[in-house]
Amino acid sequence: MSKSATAFTGTKEQEKELKSFISAHKNDQGPLIMIMQEAQKIYGYLPIEVQEIISKGLNIPIEKVYEVATFYAQFNLTPRGKYHISVCLGTACYVKGSQKVLDALEQKLNIKSGGCTEDRKFSLDSCRCLGACGLAPVMKVNDEVFGKLTPDKVPQILANFK
């Protein structure tokens, strides 16, 4: 567990809010996941600094918090953008060119898959299936699905979110 490449920008207000939540729920049965979910709502992700607050507040080893954070896909260890883009690289999408769409997004946003733009407007990931194989290749921006994609459609889709 090391410090993130992204500088932690948590505020005292966020820390106070999290500590208050921990204090109110630390005696609940099995509070760790619920507290981690709340922490992610407060900060947007779970950097090591936030995991340390949870660890101390619950009096549990930091390794336990990290283990849960890395086991469940719902938790993010790096910042996510206001608009989170997920490109399907499942078989149907991949065969129809989703890797080229992902490459175009990486180039246009100037980030790699798994990254976030400096202004935290966009984050980018790939996934194995979005359940829209008939529209392959597909991607999601937050909860909105875009299908039958080609790399040349990327700039216009991104423009909708600027």
N, C-alpha and C. Protein backbone atom coordinates (compact mmCIF):
# COMPACT_ATOMS: atom_id res chain seq x y z
N MET A 1 0.84 -1.18 0.00
CA MET A 1 0.00 0.00 0.00
C MET A 1 0.88 1.24 0.00
N SER A 2 0.81 1.96 -1.07
CA SER A 2 1.62 3.16 -1.17
C SER A 2 0.73 4.35 -1.47
N LYS A 3 1.31 5.51 -1.30
CA LYS A 3 0.58 6.73 -1.61
C LYS A 3 0.27 6.76 -3.10
N SER A 4 -0.88 7.31 -3.45
CA SER A 4 -1.31 7.41 -4.83
C SER A 4 -0.46 8.42 -5.59
N ALA A 5 -0.36 8.22 -6.91
CA ALA A 5 0.34 9.18 -7.75
C ALA A 5 -0.44 10.49 -7.82
N THR A 6 -1.75 10.41 -7.55
CA THR A 6 -2.60 11.58 -7.53
C THR A 6 -2.54 12.20 -6.14
N ALA A 7 -2.27 13.48 -6.07
CA ALA A 7 -2.19 14.16 -4.78
C ALA A 7 -3.55 14.13 -4.08
N PHE A 8 -3.54 13.79 -2.81
CA PHE A 8 -4.75 13.75 -2.01
C PHE A 8 -5.18 15.18 -1.71
N THR A 9 -6.44 15.48 -1.95
CA THR A 9 -6.94 16.85 -1.78
C THR A 9 -8.11 16.93 -0.82
N GLY A 10 -8.16 15.99 0.13
CA GLY A 10 -9.25 15.99 1.09
C GLY A 10 -9.22 17.24 1.96
N THR A 11 -10.40 17.67 2.40
CA THR A 11 -10.53 18.86 3.23
C THR A 11 -10.78 18.47 4.68
N LYS A 12 -10.58 19.41 5.57
CA LYS A 12 -10.88 19.20 7.00
C LYS A 12 -12.38 18.92 7.19
N GLU A 13 -13.22 19.56 6.39
CA GLU A 13 -14.66 19.34 6.48
C GLU A 13 -15.01 17.90 6.11
N GLN A 14 -14.38 17.40 5.05
CA GLN A 14 -14.62 16.01 4.66
C GLN A 14 -14.17 15.06 5.76
N GLU A 15 -13.00 15.32 6.32
CA GLU A 15 -12.48 14.47 7.39
C GLU A 15 -13.42 14.49 8.60
N LYS A 16 -13.90 15.65 8.95
CA LYS A 16 -14.83 15.78 10.08
C LYS A 16 -16.11 15.00 9.81
N GLU A 17 -16.62 15.10 8.59
CA GLU A 17 -17.84 14.38 8.21
C GLU A 17 -17.63 12.87 8.31
N LEU A 18 -16.50 12.39 7.80
CA LEU A 18 -16.23 10.96 7.86
C LEU A 18 -16.05 10.49 9.30
N LYS A 19 -15.29 11.22 10.09
CA LYS A 19 -15.07 10.82 11.48
C LYS A 19 -16.38 10.81 12.27
N SER A 20 -17.25 11.74 11.98
CA SER A 20 -18.56 11.78 12.63
C SER A 20 -19.39 10.55 12.25
N PHE A 21 -19.34 10.18 10.98
CA PHE A 21 -20.07 9.00 10.51
C PHE A 21 -19.51 7.74 11.16
N ILE A 22 -18.19 7.64 11.23
CA ILE A 22 -17.55 6.48 11.86
C ILE A 22 -17.98 6.40 13.32
N SER A 23 -17.93 7.52 14.01
CA SER A 23 -18.30 7.55 15.43
C SER A 23 -19.75 7.09 15.64
N ALA A 24 -20.63 7.51 14.74
CA ALA A 24 -22.05 7.16 14.87
C ALA A 24 -22.32 5.70 14.55
N HIS A 25 -21.44 5.04 13.79
CA HIS A 25 -21.73 3.68 13.31
C HIS A 25 -20.70 2.62 13.71
N LYS A 26 -19.65 3.00 14.42
CA LYS A 26 -18.58 2.04 14.71
C LYS A 26 -19.04 0.87 15.57
N ASN A 27 -20.11 1.03 16.32
CA ASN A 27 -20.61 -0.05 17.16
C ASN A 27 -21.71 -0.86 16.49
N ASP A 28 -22.07 -0.50 15.26
CA ASP A 28 -23.03 -1.30 14.49
C ASP A 28 -22.40 -2.65 14.19
N GLN A 29 -23.22 -3.62 13.87
CA GLN A 29 -22.68 -4.93 13.49
C GLN A 29 -22.08 -4.83 12.09
N GLY A 30 -20.81 -5.21 11.95
CA GLY A 30 -20.12 -5.22 10.65
C GLY A 30 -20.17 -3.89 9.93
N PRO A 31 -19.63 -2.81 10.52
CA PRO A 31 -19.79 -1.48 9.92
C PRO A 31 -18.82 -1.14 8.79
N LEU A 32 -17.80 -1.96 8.56
CA LEU A 32 -16.72 -1.56 7.66
C LEU A 32 -17.19 -1.18 6.26
N ILE A 33 -17.93 -2.05 5.60
CA ILE A 33 -18.33 -1.76 4.22
C ILE A 33 -19.22 -0.53 4.15
N MET A 34 -20.16 -0.40 5.09
CA MET A 34 -21.05 0.76 5.11
C MET A 34 -20.23 2.04 5.29
N ILE A 35 -19.24 2.01 6.16
CA ILE A 35 -18.41 3.19 6.40
C ILE A 35 -17.54 3.49 5.17
N MET A 36 -17.04 2.45 4.52
CA MET A 36 -16.25 2.67 3.30
C MET A 36 -17.12 3.26 2.19
N GLN A 37 -18.37 2.81 2.09
CA GLN A 37 -19.28 3.38 1.09
C GLN A 37 -19.52 4.86 1.36
N GLU A 38 -19.73 5.19 2.61
CA GLU A 38 -19.94 6.59 2.98
C GLU A 38 -18.68 7.42 2.70
N ALA A 39 -17.52 6.86 3.02
CA ALA A 39 -16.27 7.56 2.76
C ALA A 39 -16.10 7.84 1.27
N GLN A 40 -16.46 6.86 0.45
CA GLN A 40 -16.35 7.07 -0.99
C GLN A 40 -17.34 8.13 -1.47
N LYS A 41 -18.52 8.20 -0.86
CA LYS A 41 -19.46 9.28 -1.20
C LYS A 41 -18.87 10.64 -0.85
N ILE A 42 -18.22 10.71 0.29
CA ILE A 42 -17.66 11.98 0.76
C ILE A 42 -16.47 12.42 -0.09
N TYR A 43 -15.55 11.51 -0.38
CA TYR A 43 -14.31 11.85 -1.08
C TYR A 43 -14.32 11.55 -2.57
N GLY A 44 -15.21 10.64 -3.00
CA GLY A 44 -15.25 10.25 -4.40
C GLY A 44 -14.40 9.03 -4.71
N TYR A 45 -13.54 8.65 -3.77
CA TYR A 45 -12.68 7.48 -3.92
C TYR A 45 -12.06 7.20 -2.55
N LEU A 46 -11.26 6.12 -2.46
CA LEU A 46 -10.70 5.71 -1.17
C LEU A 46 -9.16 5.67 -1.22
N PRO A 47 -8.53 6.83 -1.22
CA PRO A 47 -7.06 6.84 -1.19
C PRO A 47 -6.58 6.32 0.16
N ILE A 48 -5.31 6.03 0.25
CA ILE A 48 -4.74 5.46 1.47
C ILE A 48 -4.99 6.37 2.67
N GLU A 49 -4.99 7.67 2.48
CA GLU A 49 -5.23 8.60 3.58
C GLU A 49 -6.62 8.40 4.20
N VAL A 50 -7.62 8.13 3.35
CA VAL A 50 -8.98 7.89 3.84
C VAL A 50 -9.06 6.51 4.49
N GLN A 51 -8.37 5.54 3.91
CA GLN A 51 -8.35 4.21 4.51
C GLN A 51 -7.74 4.27 5.91
N GLU A 52 -6.73 5.12 6.10
CA GLU A 52 -6.10 5.27 7.41
C GLU A 52 -7.08 5.86 8.43
N ILE A 53 -7.90 6.81 8.01
CA ILE A 53 -8.91 7.39 8.91
C ILE A 53 -9.89 6.30 9.35
N ILE A 54 -10.32 5.48 8.39
CA ILE A 54 -11.25 4.39 8.70
C ILE A 54 -10.59 3.38 9.64
N SER A 55 -9.36 3.01 9.33
CA SER A 55 -8.62 2.06 10.15
C SER A 55 -8.53 2.52 11.60
N LYS A 56 -8.13 3.76 11.79
CA LYS A 56 -8.00 4.30 13.14
C LYS A 56 -9.35 4.43 13.83
N GLY A 57 -10.35 4.89 13.08
CA GLY A 57 -11.67 5.08 13.65
C GLY A 57 -12.34 3.80 14.10
N LEU A 58 -12.06 2.71 13.40
CA LEU A 58 -12.64 1.42 13.75
C LEU A 58 -11.69 0.55 14.57
N ASN A 59 -10.46 1.05 14.76
CA ASN A 59 -9.44 0.31 15.48
C ASN A 59 -9.21 -1.08 14.86
N ILE A 60 -9.03 -1.07 13.55
CA ILE A 60 -8.72 -2.30 12.80
C ILE A 60 -7.48 -2.04 11.95
N PRO A 61 -6.76 -3.09 11.59
CA PRO A 61 -5.56 -2.89 10.77
C PRO A 61 -5.88 -2.27 9.41
N ILE A 62 -4.99 -1.40 8.95
CA ILE A 62 -5.15 -0.78 7.63
C ILE A 62 -5.22 -1.85 6.55
N GLU A 63 -4.56 -2.98 6.74
CA GLU A 63 -4.57 -4.07 5.76
C GLU A 63 -5.98 -4.60 5.55
N LYS A 64 -6.78 -4.62 6.59
CA LYS A 64 -8.17 -5.10 6.48
C LYS A 64 -9.00 -4.14 5.61
N VAL A 65 -8.81 -2.86 5.81
CA VAL A 65 -9.53 -1.86 5.01
C VAL A 65 -9.10 -1.98 3.55
N TYR A 66 -7.80 -2.07 3.33
CA TYR A 66 -7.27 -2.20 1.97
C TYR A 66 -7.77 -3.48 1.30
N GLU A 67 -7.80 -4.57 2.05
CA GLU A 67 -8.28 -5.85 1.52
C GLU A 67 -9.72 -5.72 1.00
N VAL A 68 -10.57 -5.09 1.77
CA VAL A 68 -11.97 -4.90 1.36
C VAL A 68 -12.04 -3.94 0.17
N ALA A 69 -11.25 -2.87 0.21
CA ALA A 69 -11.27 -1.87 -0.86
C ALA A 69 -10.84 -2.47 -2.20
N THR A 70 -9.92 -3.41 -2.16
CA THR A 70 -9.43 -4.01 -3.41
C THR A 70 -10.23 -5.24 -3.83
N PHE A 71 -11.00 -5.80 -2.92
CA PHE A 71 -11.80 -6.99 -3.25
C PHE A 71 -13.08 -6.61 -3.98
N TYR A 72 -13.76 -5.59 -3.52
CA TYR A 72 -15.06 -5.20 -4.09
C TYR A 72 -14.90 -4.15 -5.18
N ALA A 73 -15.50 -4.44 -6.34
CA ALA A 73 -15.39 -3.54 -7.49
C ALA A 73 -16.05 -2.18 -7.26
N GLN A 74 -16.92 -2.08 -6.28
CA GLN A 74 -17.61 -0.81 -6.04
C GLN A 74 -16.68 0.28 -5.49
N PHE A 75 -15.52 -0.14 -4.97
CA PHE A 75 -14.61 0.83 -4.37
C PHE A 75 -13.52 1.24 -5.36
N ASN A 76 -13.19 2.52 -5.35
CA ASN A 76 -12.16 3.08 -6.22
C ASN A 76 -11.01 3.61 -5.39
N LEU A 77 -9.80 3.22 -5.76
CA LEU A 77 -8.62 3.69 -5.05
C LEU A 77 -8.03 4.94 -5.71
N THR A 78 -8.52 5.25 -6.89
CA THR A 78 -8.08 6.44 -7.60
C THR A 78 -9.30 7.30 -7.91
N PRO A 79 -9.10 8.59 -8.11
CA PRO A 79 -10.23 9.49 -8.36
C PRO A 79 -10.98 9.11 -9.63
N ARG A 80 -12.26 9.35 -9.62
CA ARG A 80 -13.09 9.19 -10.81
C ARG A 80 -13.57 10.57 -11.22
N GLY A 81 -13.75 10.71 -12.51
CA GLY A 81 -14.21 11.98 -13.02
C GLY A 81 -15.71 12.18 -12.82
N LYS A 82 -16.13 13.40 -13.02
CA LYS A 82 -17.56 13.71 -12.99
C LYS A 82 -18.28 12.82 -14.00
N TYR A 83 -17.62 12.60 -15.13
CA TYR A 83 -18.15 11.71 -16.17
C TYR A 83 -17.22 10.50 -16.26
N HIS A 84 -17.73 9.37 -15.81
CA HIS A 84 -16.93 8.15 -15.85
C HIS A 84 -17.28 7.36 -17.11
N ILE A 85 -16.28 7.12 -17.93
CA ILE A 85 -16.45 6.41 -19.19
C ILE A 85 -15.94 4.98 -19.03
N SER A 86 -16.75 4.03 -19.41
CA SER A 86 -16.36 2.62 -19.36
C SER A 86 -16.58 2.02 -20.75
N VAL A 87 -15.51 1.53 -21.35
CA VAL A 87 -15.56 0.95 -22.69
C VAL A 87 -15.56 -0.57 -22.56
N CYS A 88 -16.51 -1.20 -23.21
CA CYS A 88 -16.61 -2.66 -23.17
C CYS A 88 -15.53 -3.28 -24.06
N LEU A 89 -14.77 -4.20 -23.48
CA LEU A 89 -13.79 -4.96 -24.26
C LEU A 89 -14.16 -6.44 -24.27
N GLY A 90 -15.44 -6.73 -24.01
CA GLY A 90 -15.92 -8.11 -24.11
C GLY A 90 -15.82 -8.59 -25.55
N THR A 91 -16.02 -9.86 -25.76
CA THR A 91 -15.79 -10.47 -27.07
C THR A 91 -16.52 -9.77 -28.20
N ALA A 92 -17.85 -9.59 -28.07
CA ALA A 92 -18.62 -8.98 -29.17
C ALA A 92 -18.12 -7.57 -29.47
N CYS A 93 -17.88 -6.80 -28.45
CA CYS A 93 -17.41 -5.42 -28.65
C CYS A 93 -15.99 -5.39 -29.20
N TYR A 94 -15.14 -6.24 -28.66
CA TYR A 94 -13.74 -6.25 -29.08
C TYR A 94 -13.63 -6.60 -30.57
N VAL A 95 -14.37 -7.62 -30.98
CA VAL A 95 -14.34 -8.06 -32.38
C VAL A 95 -14.81 -6.94 -33.31
N LYS A 96 -15.72 -6.10 -32.81
CA LYS A 96 -16.25 -5.01 -33.64
C LYS A 96 -15.50 -3.69 -33.46
N GLY A 97 -14.35 -3.71 -32.76
CA GLY A 97 -13.49 -2.54 -32.75
C GLY A 97 -13.47 -1.70 -31.49
N SER A 98 -13.87 -2.24 -30.36
CA SER A 98 -13.89 -1.41 -29.15
C SER A 98 -12.50 -0.97 -28.70
N GLN A 99 -11.46 -1.75 -29.00
CA GLN A 99 -10.11 -1.33 -28.62
C GLN A 99 -9.74 -0.04 -29.33
N LYS A 100 -10.16 0.12 -30.59
CA LYS A 100 -9.88 1.35 -31.33
C LYS A 100 -10.64 2.53 -30.72
N VAL A 101 -11.85 2.27 -30.22
CA VAL A 101 -12.62 3.32 -29.54
C VAL A 101 -11.90 3.72 -28.25
N LEU A 102 -11.45 2.74 -27.48
CA LEU A 102 -10.70 3.02 -26.26
C LEU A 102 -9.43 3.82 -26.57
N ASP A 103 -8.72 3.42 -27.61
CA ASP A 103 -7.51 4.15 -28.02
C ASP A 103 -7.83 5.60 -28.36
N ALA A 104 -8.94 5.82 -29.06
CA ALA A 104 -9.35 7.18 -29.43
C ALA A 104 -9.69 8.01 -28.20
N LEU A 105 -10.35 7.39 -27.23
CA LEU A 105 -10.67 8.09 -25.98
C LEU A 105 -9.40 8.45 -25.21
N GLU A 106 -8.47 7.51 -25.14
CA GLU A 106 -7.21 7.78 -24.44
C GLU A 106 -6.48 8.96 -25.09
N GLN A 107 -6.48 8.98 -26.41
CA GLN A 107 -5.80 10.06 -27.12
C GLN A 107 -6.52 11.39 -26.92
N LYS A 108 -7.82 11.39 -27.06
CA LYS A 108 -8.59 12.63 -26.95
C LYS A 108 -8.55 13.21 -25.53
N LEU A 109 -8.61 12.33 -24.52
CA LEU A 109 -8.62 12.78 -23.13
C LEU A 109 -7.21 12.93 -22.55
N ASN A 110 -6.23 12.41 -23.26
CA ASN A 110 -4.84 12.43 -22.83
C ASN A 110 -4.64 11.71 -21.49
N ILE A 111 -5.33 10.58 -21.35
CA ILE A 111 -5.17 9.70 -20.18
C ILE A 111 -5.21 8.26 -20.66
N LYS A 112 -4.71 7.37 -19.85
CA LYS A 112 -4.78 5.94 -20.13
C LYS A 112 -5.99 5.36 -19.42
N SER A 113 -6.41 4.17 -19.83
CA SER A 113 -7.48 3.47 -19.14
C SER A 113 -7.08 3.31 -17.68
N GLY A 114 -8.01 3.60 -16.79
CA GLY A 114 -7.74 3.58 -15.36
C GLY A 114 -7.39 4.96 -14.82
N GLY A 115 -7.30 5.95 -15.72
CA GLY A 115 -6.90 7.29 -15.32
C GLY A 115 -8.05 8.27 -15.24
N CYS A 116 -7.69 9.47 -14.82
CA CYS A 116 -8.65 10.56 -14.65
C CYS A 116 -7.99 11.83 -15.16
N THR A 117 -8.75 12.66 -15.85
CA THR A 117 -8.19 13.92 -16.33
C THR A 117 -7.83 14.80 -15.13
N GLU A 118 -6.88 15.70 -15.32
CA GLU A 118 -6.41 16.55 -14.22
C GLU A 118 -7.54 17.36 -13.60
N ASP A 119 -8.51 17.79 -14.42
CA ASP A 119 -9.62 18.58 -13.90
C ASP A 119 -10.72 17.70 -13.29
N ARG A 120 -10.49 16.40 -13.28
CA ARG A 120 -11.43 15.40 -12.76
C ARG A 120 -12.80 15.44 -13.46
N LYS A 121 -12.78 15.90 -14.68
CA LYS A 121 -14.03 15.91 -15.44
C LYS A 121 -14.32 14.52 -16.02
N PHE A 122 -13.28 13.84 -16.52
CA PHE A 122 -13.46 12.52 -17.12
C PHE A 122 -12.52 11.50 -16.48
N SER A 123 -13.05 10.29 -16.30
CA SER A 123 -12.20 9.15 -15.97
C SER A 123 -12.54 8.06 -16.97
N LEU A 124 -11.61 7.17 -17.17
CA LEU A 124 -11.73 6.18 -18.24
C LEU A 124 -11.32 4.80 -17.74
N ASP A 125 -12.14 3.82 -18.04
CA ASP A 125 -11.85 2.42 -17.71
C ASP A 125 -12.37 1.54 -18.83
N SER A 126 -11.92 0.30 -18.80
CA SER A 126 -12.50 -0.72 -19.69
C SER A 126 -13.16 -1.75 -18.80
N CYS A 127 -14.06 -2.51 -19.39
CA CYS A 127 -14.75 -3.56 -18.64
C CYS A 127 -14.96 -4.74 -19.58
N ARG A 128 -15.45 -5.82 -19.05
CA ARG A 128 -15.63 -7.03 -19.85
C ARG A 128 -17.00 -7.14 -20.50
N CYS A 129 -18.03 -6.55 -19.96
CA CYS A 129 -19.35 -6.62 -20.60
C CYS A 129 -20.27 -5.58 -20.01
N LEU A 130 -20.97 -4.87 -20.87
CA LEU A 130 -21.98 -3.91 -20.43
C LEU A 130 -23.39 -4.43 -20.68
N GLY A 131 -23.49 -5.64 -21.23
CA GLY A 131 -24.80 -6.24 -21.46
C GLY A 131 -25.56 -5.65 -22.63
N ALA A 132 -24.86 -5.07 -23.57
CA ALA A 132 -25.50 -4.47 -24.75
C ALA A 132 -24.82 -4.97 -26.01
N CYS A 133 -24.60 -6.28 -26.07
CA CYS A 133 -23.82 -6.88 -27.16
C CYS A 133 -24.42 -6.60 -28.54
N GLY A 134 -25.72 -6.46 -28.62
CA GLY A 134 -26.37 -6.16 -29.90
C GLY A 134 -26.02 -4.80 -30.44
N LEU A 135 -25.49 -3.92 -29.59
CA LEU A 135 -25.10 -2.57 -30.01
C LEU A 135 -23.58 -2.43 -30.15
N ALA A 136 -22.88 -3.54 -30.10
CA ALA A 136 -21.40 -3.53 -30.10
C ALA A 136 -20.82 -2.74 -31.27
N PRO A 137 -19.71 -2.04 -30.97
CA PRO A 137 -19.07 -1.83 -29.68
C PRO A 137 -19.77 -0.74 -28.88
N VAL A 138 -19.74 -0.89 -27.55
CA VAL A 138 -20.45 0.05 -26.68
C VAL A 138 -19.54 0.62 -25.60
N MET A 139 -19.99 1.76 -25.07
CA MET A 139 -19.38 2.37 -23.89
C MET A 139 -20.48 3.04 -23.10
N LYS A 140 -20.19 3.28 -21.84
CA LYS A 140 -21.10 4.03 -20.97
C LYS A 140 -20.41 5.28 -20.49
N VAL A 141 -21.15 6.36 -20.42
CA VAL A 141 -20.71 7.57 -19.75
C VAL A 141 -21.70 7.73 -18.60
N ASN A 142 -21.20 7.50 -17.39
CA ASN A 142 -22.04 7.37 -16.20
C ASN A 142 -23.07 6.27 -16.48
N ASP A 143 -24.34 6.60 -16.59
CA ASP A 143 -25.35 5.56 -16.84
C ASP A 143 -25.89 5.56 -18.27
N GLU A 144 -25.34 6.41 -19.12
CA GLU A 144 -25.82 6.52 -20.51
C GLU A 144 -24.98 5.63 -21.43
N VAL A 145 -25.67 4.75 -22.18
CA VAL A 145 -25.00 3.80 -23.06
C VAL A 145 -24.92 4.37 -24.48
N PHE A 146 -23.75 4.22 -25.09
CA PHE A 146 -23.54 4.62 -26.48
C PHE A 146 -23.12 3.38 -27.26
N GLY A 147 -23.82 3.08 -28.34
CA GLY A 147 -23.53 1.88 -29.09
C GLY A 147 -23.19 2.14 -30.54
N LYS A 148 -22.79 1.05 -31.21
CA LYS A 148 -22.38 1.08 -32.61
C LYS A 148 -21.31 2.16 -32.83
N LEU A 149 -20.33 2.14 -31.94
CA LEU A 149 -19.30 3.17 -31.92
C LEU A 149 -18.20 2.94 -32.95
N THR A 150 -17.62 4.05 -33.34
CA THR A 150 -16.39 4.06 -34.14
C THR A 150 -15.51 5.15 -33.54
N PRO A 151 -14.22 5.08 -33.75
CA PRO A 151 -13.33 6.11 -33.18
C PRO A 151 -13.71 7.54 -33.58
N ASP A 152 -14.24 7.71 -34.79
CA ASP A 152 -14.58 9.06 -35.23
C ASP A 152 -15.80 9.64 -34.52
N LYS A 153 -16.55 8.82 -33.78
CA LYS A 153 -17.70 9.32 -33.02
C LYS A 153 -17.30 9.85 -31.64
N VAL A 154 -16.09 9.53 -31.20
CA VAL A 154 -15.62 9.89 -29.86
C VAL A 154 -15.66 11.41 -29.61
N PRO A 155 -15.12 12.26 -30.50
CA PRO A 155 -15.12 13.70 -30.20
C PRO A 155 -16.51 14.27 -30.00
N GLN A 156 -17.48 13.85 -30.80
CA GLN A 156 -18.84 14.38 -30.66
C GLN A 156 -19.48 13.92 -29.36
N ILE A 157 -19.26 12.67 -28.97
CA ILE A 157 -19.83 12.18 -27.71
C ILE A 157 -19.23 12.96 -26.55
N LEU A 158 -17.92 13.15 -26.55
CA LEU A 158 -17.28 13.91 -25.47
C LEU A 158 -17.77 15.36 -25.44
N ALA A 159 -18.03 15.95 -26.58
CA ALA A 159 -18.50 17.32 -26.65
C ALA A 159 -19.83 17.48 -25.92
N ASN A 160 -20.63 16.42 -25.90
CA ASN A 160 -21.91 16.47 -25.19
C ASN A 160 -21.75 16.63 -23.69
N PHE A 161 -20.56 16.33 -23.17
CA PHE A 161 -20.32 16.37 -21.73
C PHE A 161 -19.39 17.51 -21.32
N LYS A 162 -19.04 18.35 -22.23
CA LYS A 162 -18.14 19.48 -21.91
C LYS A 162 -18.98 20.59 -21.39
